[in-house]
């Protein structure tokens, strides 16, 4: 399942509130909630260091935001640097 644009914005708004504007801007600008496969959420973030810090300190915040917006349980969140993303067919 891929989140709609409105769901993406809802998750971003909750994270901005949970993390605070400064930390959200530092870690999450340009992030994309890519998809939800079973109960695993995949999120693309700007850099490997952002992915590592979010995973270490804020994965629960992402899970809570996604569960609230998507109305589905999130068991695990995988953070992937955006340079690992690819468009369909590439």
N, C-alpha and C. Protein backbone atom coordinates (compact mmCIF):
# COMPACT_ATOMS: atom_id res chain seq x y z
N UNK A 1 0.84 -1.18 0.00
CA UNK A 1 0.00 0.00 0.00
C UNK A 1 0.88 1.25 0.00
N UNK A 2 0.58 2.15 -0.90
CA UNK A 2 1.29 3.43 -0.95
C UNK A 2 0.39 4.52 -0.35
N UNK A 3 0.95 5.33 0.54
CA UNK A 3 0.15 6.41 1.11
C UNK A 3 -0.25 7.45 0.05
N UNK A 4 -1.43 8.02 0.22
CA UNK A 4 -1.85 9.11 -0.65
C UNK A 4 -1.07 10.37 -0.29
N UNK A 5 -1.16 11.37 -1.12
CA UNK A 5 -0.50 12.66 -0.85
C UNK A 5 -1.00 13.24 0.48
N UNK A 6 -2.30 13.13 0.73
CA UNK A 6 -2.86 13.66 1.97
C UNK A 6 -2.34 12.89 3.18
N UNK A 7 -2.18 11.58 3.05
CA UNK A 7 -1.64 10.79 4.14
C UNK A 7 -0.17 11.15 4.39
N UNK A 8 0.60 11.35 3.32
CA UNK A 8 1.99 11.77 3.45
C UNK A 8 2.06 13.08 4.22
N UNK A 9 1.22 14.03 3.84
CA UNK A 9 1.22 15.34 4.53
C UNK A 9 0.80 15.21 5.98
N UNK A 10 -0.15 14.32 6.26
CA UNK A 10 -0.58 14.10 7.63
C UNK A 10 0.53 13.52 8.49
N UNK A 11 1.26 12.56 7.96
CA UNK A 11 2.39 11.97 8.68
C UNK A 11 3.46 13.04 8.93
N UNK A 12 3.74 13.85 7.92
CA UNK A 12 4.72 14.93 8.07
C UNK A 12 4.30 15.91 9.16
N UNK A 13 3.03 16.27 9.20
CA UNK A 13 2.55 17.22 10.21
C UNK A 13 2.71 16.66 11.62
N UNK A 14 2.37 15.41 11.80
CA UNK A 14 2.52 14.79 13.12
C UNK A 14 3.99 14.72 13.52
N UNK A 15 4.85 14.33 12.58
CA UNK A 15 6.27 14.25 12.89
C UNK A 15 6.85 15.62 13.21
N UNK A 16 6.43 16.64 12.51
CA UNK A 16 6.89 18.00 12.80
C UNK A 16 6.53 18.38 14.23
N UNK A 17 5.36 17.98 14.66
CA UNK A 17 4.92 18.26 16.03
C UNK A 17 5.70 17.42 17.04
N UNK A 18 5.88 16.13 16.77
CA UNK A 18 6.57 15.24 17.71
C UNK A 18 8.07 15.56 17.84
N UNK A 19 8.71 15.85 16.71
CA UNK A 19 10.15 16.08 16.72
C UNK A 19 10.53 17.53 17.01
N UNK A 20 9.62 18.44 16.73
CA UNK A 20 9.93 19.86 16.79
C UNK A 20 10.42 20.31 15.43
N UNK A 21 10.16 21.56 15.12
CA UNK A 21 10.45 22.08 13.78
C UNK A 21 11.92 21.98 13.41
N UNK A 22 12.83 22.31 14.33
CA UNK A 22 14.25 22.31 14.00
C UNK A 22 14.72 20.90 13.66
N UNK A 23 14.41 19.92 14.51
CA UNK A 23 14.86 18.55 14.28
C UNK A 23 14.16 17.96 13.06
N UNK A 24 12.87 18.26 12.88
CA UNK A 24 12.15 17.78 11.71
C UNK A 24 12.83 18.29 10.43
N UNK A 25 13.11 19.59 10.39
CA UNK A 25 13.75 20.16 9.19
C UNK A 25 15.12 19.55 8.94
N UNK A 26 15.86 19.27 9.99
CA UNK A 26 17.21 18.71 9.84
C UNK A 26 17.16 17.26 9.35
N UNK A 27 16.20 16.48 9.84
CA UNK A 27 16.18 15.06 9.55
C UNK A 27 15.21 14.64 8.45
N UNK A 28 14.12 15.37 8.29
CA UNK A 28 13.01 14.84 7.49
C UNK A 28 12.67 15.60 6.22
N UNK A 29 13.29 16.74 5.97
CA UNK A 29 12.95 17.46 4.75
C UNK A 29 13.24 16.58 3.54
N UNK A 30 12.28 16.48 2.66
CA UNK A 30 12.43 15.67 1.47
C UNK A 30 12.14 14.20 1.66
N UNK A 31 11.72 13.82 2.86
CA UNK A 31 11.43 12.41 3.10
C UNK A 31 10.16 12.00 2.36
N UNK A 32 10.09 10.73 2.03
CA UNK A 32 8.93 10.16 1.37
C UNK A 32 8.55 8.87 2.07
N UNK A 33 7.31 8.80 2.50
CA UNK A 33 6.79 7.54 3.01
C UNK A 33 6.46 6.72 1.77
N UNK A 34 7.31 5.75 1.49
CA UNK A 34 7.24 5.04 0.22
C UNK A 34 6.08 4.07 0.15
N UNK A 35 6.02 3.15 1.12
CA UNK A 35 4.95 2.16 1.09
C UNK A 35 4.86 1.44 2.41
N UNK A 36 3.78 0.69 2.55
CA UNK A 36 3.57 -0.16 3.70
C UNK A 36 3.36 -1.56 3.16
N UNK A 37 4.22 -2.48 3.57
CA UNK A 37 4.14 -3.87 3.14
C UNK A 37 3.86 -4.70 4.39
N UNK A 38 2.66 -5.28 4.45
CA UNK A 38 2.20 -5.97 5.67
C UNK A 38 2.21 -4.93 6.79
N UNK A 39 3.07 -5.12 7.80
CA UNK A 39 3.13 -4.16 8.90
C UNK A 39 4.49 -3.47 8.97
N UNK A 40 5.18 -3.40 7.83
CA UNK A 40 6.48 -2.73 7.73
C UNK A 40 6.34 -1.48 6.86
N UNK A 41 6.76 -0.36 7.42
CA UNK A 41 6.71 0.93 6.73
C UNK A 41 8.09 1.24 6.16
N UNK A 42 8.14 1.66 4.89
CA UNK A 42 9.39 2.04 4.24
C UNK A 42 9.40 3.54 4.01
N UNK A 43 10.47 4.19 4.48
CA UNK A 43 10.58 5.64 4.40
C UNK A 43 11.93 6.01 3.77
N UNK A 44 11.89 6.83 2.72
CA UNK A 44 13.11 7.36 2.12
C UNK A 44 13.43 8.70 2.76
N UNK A 45 14.68 8.86 3.18
CA UNK A 45 15.15 10.11 3.78
C UNK A 45 16.38 10.59 3.03
N UNK A 46 16.82 11.81 3.32
CA UNK A 46 17.85 12.48 2.51
C UNK A 46 19.20 11.76 2.50
N UNK A 47 19.69 11.36 3.66
CA UNK A 47 21.06 10.82 3.72
C UNK A 47 21.13 9.60 4.62
N UNK A 48 22.26 8.90 4.53
CA UNK A 48 22.50 7.76 5.40
C UNK A 48 22.58 8.18 6.86
N UNK A 49 23.18 9.34 7.12
CA UNK A 49 23.28 9.79 8.51
C UNK A 49 21.90 10.14 9.08
N UNK A 50 21.02 10.71 8.26
CA UNK A 50 19.65 10.96 8.71
C UNK A 50 18.94 9.64 9.00
N UNK A 51 19.10 8.68 8.11
CA UNK A 51 18.47 7.37 8.30
C UNK A 51 18.95 6.73 9.59
N UNK A 52 20.24 6.80 9.85
CA UNK A 52 20.79 6.18 11.06
C UNK A 52 20.28 6.88 12.32
N UNK A 53 20.26 8.21 12.31
CA UNK A 53 19.80 8.94 13.50
C UNK A 53 18.31 8.72 13.75
N UNK A 54 17.52 8.77 12.69
CA UNK A 54 16.08 8.55 12.85
C UNK A 54 15.82 7.14 13.37
N UNK A 55 16.51 6.16 12.79
CA UNK A 55 16.31 4.78 13.23
C UNK A 55 16.70 4.60 14.69
N UNK A 56 17.77 5.23 15.12
CA UNK A 56 18.25 5.10 16.49
C UNK A 56 17.36 5.82 17.50
N UNK A 57 16.85 6.99 17.12
CA UNK A 57 16.19 7.85 18.11
C UNK A 57 14.71 8.13 17.87
N UNK A 58 14.20 7.91 16.66
CA UNK A 58 12.85 8.39 16.37
C UNK A 58 11.96 7.40 15.61
N UNK A 59 12.36 6.16 15.50
CA UNK A 59 11.54 5.21 14.73
C UNK A 59 10.15 5.03 15.35
N UNK A 60 10.07 5.10 16.69
CA UNK A 60 8.76 4.99 17.34
C UNK A 60 7.85 6.15 16.95
N UNK A 61 8.41 7.35 16.81
CA UNK A 61 7.61 8.51 16.40
C UNK A 61 7.04 8.30 15.00
N UNK A 62 7.84 7.75 14.11
CA UNK A 62 7.36 7.47 12.75
C UNK A 62 6.26 6.42 12.77
N UNK A 63 6.45 5.40 13.58
CA UNK A 63 5.44 4.34 13.68
C UNK A 63 4.12 4.89 14.21
N UNK A 64 4.19 5.70 15.25
CA UNK A 64 2.97 6.29 15.83
C UNK A 64 2.26 7.17 14.81
N UNK A 65 3.01 8.03 14.12
CA UNK A 65 2.41 8.93 13.13
C UNK A 65 1.75 8.13 12.01
N UNK A 66 2.45 7.11 11.52
CA UNK A 66 1.91 6.30 10.42
C UNK A 66 0.68 5.51 10.86
N UNK A 67 0.72 4.93 12.05
CA UNK A 67 -0.44 4.18 12.54
C UNK A 67 -1.66 5.08 12.65
N UNK A 68 -1.46 6.28 13.15
CA UNK A 68 -2.57 7.21 13.31
C UNK A 68 -3.18 7.60 11.97
N UNK A 69 -2.34 7.92 11.01
CA UNK A 69 -2.82 8.39 9.70
C UNK A 69 -3.31 7.25 8.82
N UNK A 70 -2.55 6.15 8.78
CA UNK A 70 -2.89 5.05 7.87
C UNK A 70 -3.92 4.08 8.46
N UNK A 71 -4.15 4.19 9.76
CA UNK A 71 -5.13 3.32 10.45
C UNK A 71 -4.75 1.85 10.31
N UNK A 72 -3.43 1.58 10.37
CA UNK A 72 -2.92 0.21 10.30
C UNK A 72 -1.77 0.08 11.28
N UNK A 73 -1.59 -1.09 11.87
CA UNK A 73 -0.46 -1.27 12.80
C UNK A 73 0.88 -1.25 12.05
N UNK A 74 1.88 -0.65 12.69
CA UNK A 74 3.23 -0.60 12.13
C UNK A 74 4.15 -1.32 13.12
N UNK A 75 4.68 -2.45 12.71
CA UNK A 75 5.58 -3.23 13.56
C UNK A 75 7.02 -2.75 13.43
N UNK A 76 7.39 -2.31 12.23
CA UNK A 76 8.78 -1.95 11.95
C UNK A 76 8.80 -0.83 10.92
N UNK A 77 9.77 0.07 11.07
CA UNK A 77 9.98 1.13 10.08
C UNK A 77 11.39 0.99 9.53
N UNK A 78 11.52 0.90 8.22
CA UNK A 78 12.82 0.85 7.55
C UNK A 78 13.11 2.20 6.92
N UNK A 79 14.24 2.78 7.29
CA UNK A 79 14.65 4.07 6.76
C UNK A 79 15.75 3.84 5.73
N UNK A 80 15.54 4.38 4.53
CA UNK A 80 16.45 4.14 3.42
C UNK A 80 16.88 5.50 2.85
N UNK A 81 18.19 5.72 2.67
CA UNK A 81 18.63 6.96 2.03
C UNK A 81 18.03 7.07 0.63
N UNK A 82 17.61 8.26 0.26
CA UNK A 82 16.87 8.44 -0.99
C UNK A 82 17.68 8.08 -2.22
N UNK A 83 19.01 8.09 -2.14
CA UNK A 83 19.79 7.70 -3.33
C UNK A 83 19.65 6.21 -3.64
N UNK A 84 19.04 5.45 -2.73
CA UNK A 84 18.75 4.04 -3.01
C UNK A 84 17.40 3.85 -3.68
N UNK A 85 16.61 4.93 -3.77
CA UNK A 85 15.30 4.82 -4.42
C UNK A 85 15.50 4.74 -5.93
N UNK A 86 14.51 4.21 -6.59
CA UNK A 86 14.57 4.16 -8.04
C UNK A 86 13.14 4.23 -8.57
N UNK A 87 13.03 4.70 -9.76
CA UNK A 87 11.72 4.81 -10.36
C UNK A 87 11.35 3.47 -10.98
N UNK A 88 10.05 3.17 -11.11
CA UNK A 88 9.64 1.91 -11.71
C UNK A 88 10.24 1.76 -13.11
N UNK A 89 10.71 0.56 -13.39
CA UNK A 89 11.26 0.30 -14.70
C UNK A 89 12.73 0.63 -14.84
N UNK A 90 13.35 1.15 -13.77
CA UNK A 90 14.77 1.46 -13.90
C UNK A 90 15.64 0.38 -13.31
